Amino acid sequence: MSAEPRVTFYSRVGCHLCDDARAVVARVCADLGENFVEVDVDSDPDLEDRFGEEVPVTFVDGRQHDFWRVDEGRLRAALGA
């Protein structure tokens, strides 16, 4: 696995979309030998303001990739690039 996570997954507790998206992110990262870090947007007022109700939000290599749902094929392609 790479040392630095390429994927940042912004979520919140009790979010069913986050639960679904987390499963996709975890599966893809495990398959590709990548790490991801999960950040609770409600733990930081700036993140809560920035993302609001758009969680979950996925970033790849520091750039926003998806929000609300994670498309497995797109995520695999982004990490393969």
N, C-alpha and C. Protein backbone atom coordinates (compact mmCIF):
# COMPACT_ATOMS: atom_id res chain seq x y z
N MET A 1 0.84 -1.19 0.00
CA MET A 1 0.00 0.00 0.00
C MET A 1 0.88 1.24 0.00
N SER A 2 0.36 2.28 -0.64
CA SER A 2 1.11 3.53 -0.65
C SER A 2 1.04 4.16 0.74
N ALA A 3 2.07 4.93 1.08
CA ALA A 3 2.17 5.51 2.41
C ALA A 3 1.13 6.61 2.63
N GLU A 4 1.01 7.51 1.70
CA GLU A 4 0.08 8.63 1.83
C GLU A 4 -1.24 8.28 1.15
N PRO A 5 -2.35 8.49 1.85
CA PRO A 5 -3.64 8.19 1.22
C PRO A 5 -3.90 9.11 0.02
N ARG A 6 -4.30 8.51 -1.08
CA ARG A 6 -4.66 9.30 -2.27
C ARG A 6 -6.12 9.70 -2.22
N VAL A 7 -6.91 9.02 -1.39
CA VAL A 7 -8.34 9.26 -1.32
C VAL A 7 -8.68 9.84 0.05
N THR A 8 -9.42 10.94 0.04
CA THR A 8 -9.99 11.51 1.25
C THR A 8 -11.49 11.41 1.13
N PHE A 9 -12.11 10.85 2.15
CA PHE A 9 -13.55 10.58 2.15
C PHE A 9 -14.18 11.41 3.27
N TYR A 10 -14.93 12.44 2.89
CA TYR A 10 -15.60 13.31 3.85
C TYR A 10 -17.01 12.77 4.09
N SER A 11 -17.35 12.58 5.36
CA SER A 11 -18.62 11.95 5.70
C SER A 11 -19.16 12.55 6.99
N ARG A 12 -20.30 12.01 7.43
CA ARG A 12 -20.83 12.35 8.74
C ARG A 12 -21.51 11.13 9.33
N VAL A 13 -21.59 11.08 10.63
CA VAL A 13 -22.21 9.99 11.35
C VAL A 13 -23.70 9.96 11.05
N GLY A 14 -24.24 8.77 10.85
CA GLY A 14 -25.67 8.61 10.62
C GLY A 14 -26.11 8.87 9.20
N CYS A 15 -25.18 8.96 8.28
CA CYS A 15 -25.48 9.25 6.87
C CYS A 15 -25.49 7.93 6.09
N HIS A 16 -26.67 7.53 5.60
CA HIS A 16 -26.75 6.25 4.88
C HIS A 16 -26.01 6.30 3.55
N LEU A 17 -25.99 7.45 2.89
CA LEU A 17 -25.21 7.56 1.65
C LEU A 17 -23.72 7.40 1.94
N CYS A 18 -23.29 7.91 3.10
CA CYS A 18 -21.89 7.77 3.50
C CYS A 18 -21.54 6.30 3.71
N ASP A 19 -22.45 5.56 4.34
CA ASP A 19 -22.21 4.14 4.58
C ASP A 19 -22.03 3.40 3.26
N ASP A 20 -22.91 3.68 2.30
CA ASP A 20 -22.82 3.03 0.98
C ASP A 20 -21.53 3.41 0.27
N ALA A 21 -21.21 4.71 0.28
CA ALA A 21 -20.02 5.18 -0.42
C ALA A 21 -18.75 4.66 0.23
N ARG A 22 -18.74 4.59 1.57
CA ARG A 22 -17.56 4.09 2.30
C ARG A 22 -17.23 2.67 1.86
N ALA A 23 -18.27 1.85 1.67
CA ALA A 23 -18.05 0.47 1.25
C ALA A 23 -17.38 0.41 -0.11
N VAL A 24 -17.81 1.28 -1.02
CA VAL A 24 -17.20 1.33 -2.36
C VAL A 24 -15.76 1.80 -2.27
N VAL A 25 -15.52 2.88 -1.53
CA VAL A 25 -14.16 3.42 -1.39
C VAL A 25 -13.24 2.38 -0.76
N ALA A 26 -13.70 1.73 0.29
CA ALA A 26 -12.87 0.72 0.97
C ALA A 26 -12.55 -0.44 0.04
N ARG A 27 -13.54 -0.91 -0.70
CA ARG A 27 -13.33 -2.04 -1.61
C ARG A 27 -12.34 -1.68 -2.72
N VAL A 28 -12.53 -0.53 -3.35
CA VAL A 28 -11.65 -0.12 -4.45
C VAL A 28 -10.23 0.10 -3.93
N CYS A 29 -10.09 0.79 -2.81
CA CYS A 29 -8.75 1.03 -2.27
C CYS A 29 -8.06 -0.27 -1.90
N ALA A 30 -8.79 -1.19 -1.30
CA ALA A 30 -8.19 -2.49 -0.94
C ALA A 30 -7.76 -3.25 -2.19
N ASP A 31 -8.60 -3.25 -3.21
CA ASP A 31 -8.27 -3.95 -4.45
C ASP A 31 -7.04 -3.37 -5.13
N LEU A 32 -6.87 -2.05 -5.04
CA LEU A 32 -5.78 -1.38 -5.76
C LEU A 32 -4.56 -1.09 -4.88
N GLY A 33 -4.62 -1.51 -3.62
CA GLY A 33 -3.48 -1.28 -2.74
C GLY A 33 -3.31 0.17 -2.33
N GLU A 34 -4.40 0.89 -2.27
CA GLU A 34 -4.38 2.30 -1.87
C GLU A 34 -4.93 2.45 -0.46
N ASN A 35 -4.58 3.56 0.17
CA ASN A 35 -5.13 3.92 1.47
C ASN A 35 -6.15 5.03 1.27
N PHE A 36 -7.06 5.15 2.24
CA PHE A 36 -7.92 6.32 2.26
C PHE A 36 -8.06 6.81 3.69
N VAL A 37 -8.35 8.07 3.82
CA VAL A 37 -8.58 8.66 5.13
C VAL A 37 -10.01 9.19 5.14
N GLU A 38 -10.69 8.97 6.25
CA GLU A 38 -12.07 9.45 6.40
C GLU A 38 -12.08 10.61 7.37
N VAL A 39 -12.81 11.68 7.00
CA VAL A 39 -12.90 12.88 7.82
C VAL A 39 -14.38 13.16 8.09
N ASP A 40 -14.73 13.33 9.35
CA ASP A 40 -16.09 13.68 9.75
C ASP A 40 -16.27 15.18 9.57
N VAL A 41 -17.13 15.59 8.63
CA VAL A 41 -17.29 17.02 8.36
C VAL A 41 -17.88 17.77 9.55
N ASP A 42 -18.61 17.07 10.41
CA ASP A 42 -19.21 17.73 11.57
C ASP A 42 -18.20 18.01 12.67
N SER A 43 -16.97 17.52 12.52
CA SER A 43 -15.93 17.77 13.51
C SER A 43 -15.22 19.10 13.28
N ASP A 44 -15.53 19.75 12.16
CA ASP A 44 -14.86 21.01 11.79
C ASP A 44 -15.89 21.95 11.17
N PRO A 45 -16.16 23.09 11.81
CA PRO A 45 -17.16 24.02 11.27
C PRO A 45 -16.88 24.47 9.84
N ASP A 46 -15.62 24.62 9.48
CA ASP A 46 -15.28 25.03 8.11
C ASP A 46 -15.68 23.94 7.11
N LEU A 47 -15.41 22.68 7.46
CA LEU A 47 -15.80 21.59 6.56
C LEU A 47 -17.31 21.46 6.50
N GLU A 48 -17.98 21.65 7.62
CA GLU A 48 -19.43 21.57 7.65
C GLU A 48 -20.03 22.64 6.74
N ASP A 49 -19.47 23.86 6.80
CA ASP A 49 -19.93 24.95 5.92
C ASP A 49 -19.62 24.65 4.46
N ARG A 50 -18.45 24.12 4.21
CA ARG A 50 -18.01 23.87 2.84
C ARG A 50 -18.85 22.79 2.15
N PHE A 51 -19.11 21.69 2.85
CA PHE A 51 -19.78 20.56 2.22
C PHE A 51 -21.27 20.47 2.53
N GLY A 52 -21.71 21.06 3.62
CA GLY A 52 -23.13 21.08 3.94
C GLY A 52 -23.79 19.73 3.82
N GLU A 53 -24.80 19.67 2.95
CA GLU A 53 -25.55 18.42 2.76
C GLU A 53 -25.04 17.61 1.56
N GLU A 54 -23.89 17.96 1.01
CA GLU A 54 -23.36 17.24 -0.15
C GLU A 54 -22.57 16.00 0.23
N VAL A 55 -22.50 15.66 1.50
CA VAL A 55 -21.74 14.47 1.90
C VAL A 55 -22.47 13.21 1.48
N PRO A 56 -21.75 12.16 1.21
CA PRO A 56 -20.30 12.08 1.27
C PRO A 56 -19.64 12.78 0.07
N VAL A 57 -18.43 13.22 0.30
CA VAL A 57 -17.62 13.84 -0.75
C VAL A 57 -16.30 13.08 -0.81
N THR A 58 -15.88 12.73 -2.00
CA THR A 58 -14.65 11.98 -2.19
C THR A 58 -13.66 12.83 -2.98
N PHE A 59 -12.45 12.91 -2.47
CA PHE A 59 -11.35 13.59 -3.16
C PHE A 59 -10.31 12.54 -3.54
N VAL A 60 -9.74 12.68 -4.72
CA VAL A 60 -8.64 11.84 -5.16
C VAL A 60 -7.48 12.76 -5.51
N ASP A 61 -6.34 12.49 -4.90
CA ASP A 61 -5.14 13.30 -5.13
C ASP A 61 -5.41 14.79 -4.93
N GLY A 62 -6.22 15.11 -3.91
CA GLY A 62 -6.47 16.50 -3.54
C GLY A 62 -7.53 17.21 -4.35
N ARG A 63 -8.16 16.53 -5.29
CA ARG A 63 -9.19 17.16 -6.12
C ARG A 63 -10.53 16.46 -5.91
N GLN A 64 -11.61 17.25 -5.86
CA GLN A 64 -12.92 16.65 -5.66
C GLN A 64 -13.26 15.71 -6.80
N HIS A 65 -13.72 14.53 -6.43
CA HIS A 65 -13.99 13.48 -7.41
C HIS A 65 -15.49 13.21 -7.52
N ASP A 66 -16.17 12.99 -6.40
CA ASP A 66 -17.60 12.67 -6.38
C ASP A 66 -18.23 13.26 -5.14
N PHE A 67 -19.55 13.40 -5.17
CA PHE A 67 -20.29 13.67 -3.94
C PHE A 67 -21.61 12.92 -4.02
N TRP A 68 -22.19 12.68 -2.88
CA TRP A 68 -23.41 11.89 -2.66
C TRP A 68 -23.21 10.41 -2.94
N ARG A 69 -22.75 10.05 -4.10
CA ARG A 69 -22.52 8.64 -4.43
C ARG A 69 -21.12 8.51 -5.05
N VAL A 70 -20.54 7.34 -4.87
CA VAL A 70 -19.23 7.06 -5.45
C VAL A 70 -19.43 6.03 -6.55
N ASP A 71 -19.03 6.41 -7.76
CA ASP A 71 -19.09 5.51 -8.90
C ASP A 71 -17.82 4.66 -8.89
N GLU A 72 -17.99 3.36 -8.68
CA GLU A 72 -16.84 2.48 -8.54
C GLU A 72 -15.91 2.52 -9.76
N GLY A 73 -16.47 2.50 -10.95
CA GLY A 73 -15.66 2.53 -12.17
C GLY A 73 -14.85 3.81 -12.29
N ARG A 74 -15.49 4.94 -12.00
CA ARG A 74 -14.78 6.23 -12.06
C ARG A 74 -13.65 6.29 -11.05
N LEU A 75 -13.92 5.77 -9.83
CA LEU A 75 -12.90 5.80 -8.80
C LEU A 75 -11.72 4.91 -9.19
N ARG A 76 -12.02 3.73 -9.70
CA ARG A 76 -10.94 2.84 -10.15
C ARG A 76 -10.10 3.51 -11.25
N ALA A 77 -10.77 4.15 -12.19
CA ALA A 77 -10.07 4.82 -13.29
C ALA A 77 -9.20 5.96 -12.75
N ALA A 78 -9.72 6.73 -11.81
CA ALA A 78 -8.96 7.86 -11.26
C ALA A 78 -7.72 7.38 -10.51
N LEU A 79 -7.85 6.27 -9.81
CA LEU A 79 -6.70 5.76 -9.06
C LEU A 79 -5.71 5.01 -9.95
N GLY A 80 -6.17 4.59 -11.10
CA GLY A 80 -5.29 3.91 -12.04
C GLY A 80 -4.50 4.86 -12.89
N ALA A 81 -4.92 6.12 -12.90
CA ALA A 81 -4.27 7.13 -13.76
C ALA A 81 -2.94 7.56 -13.20
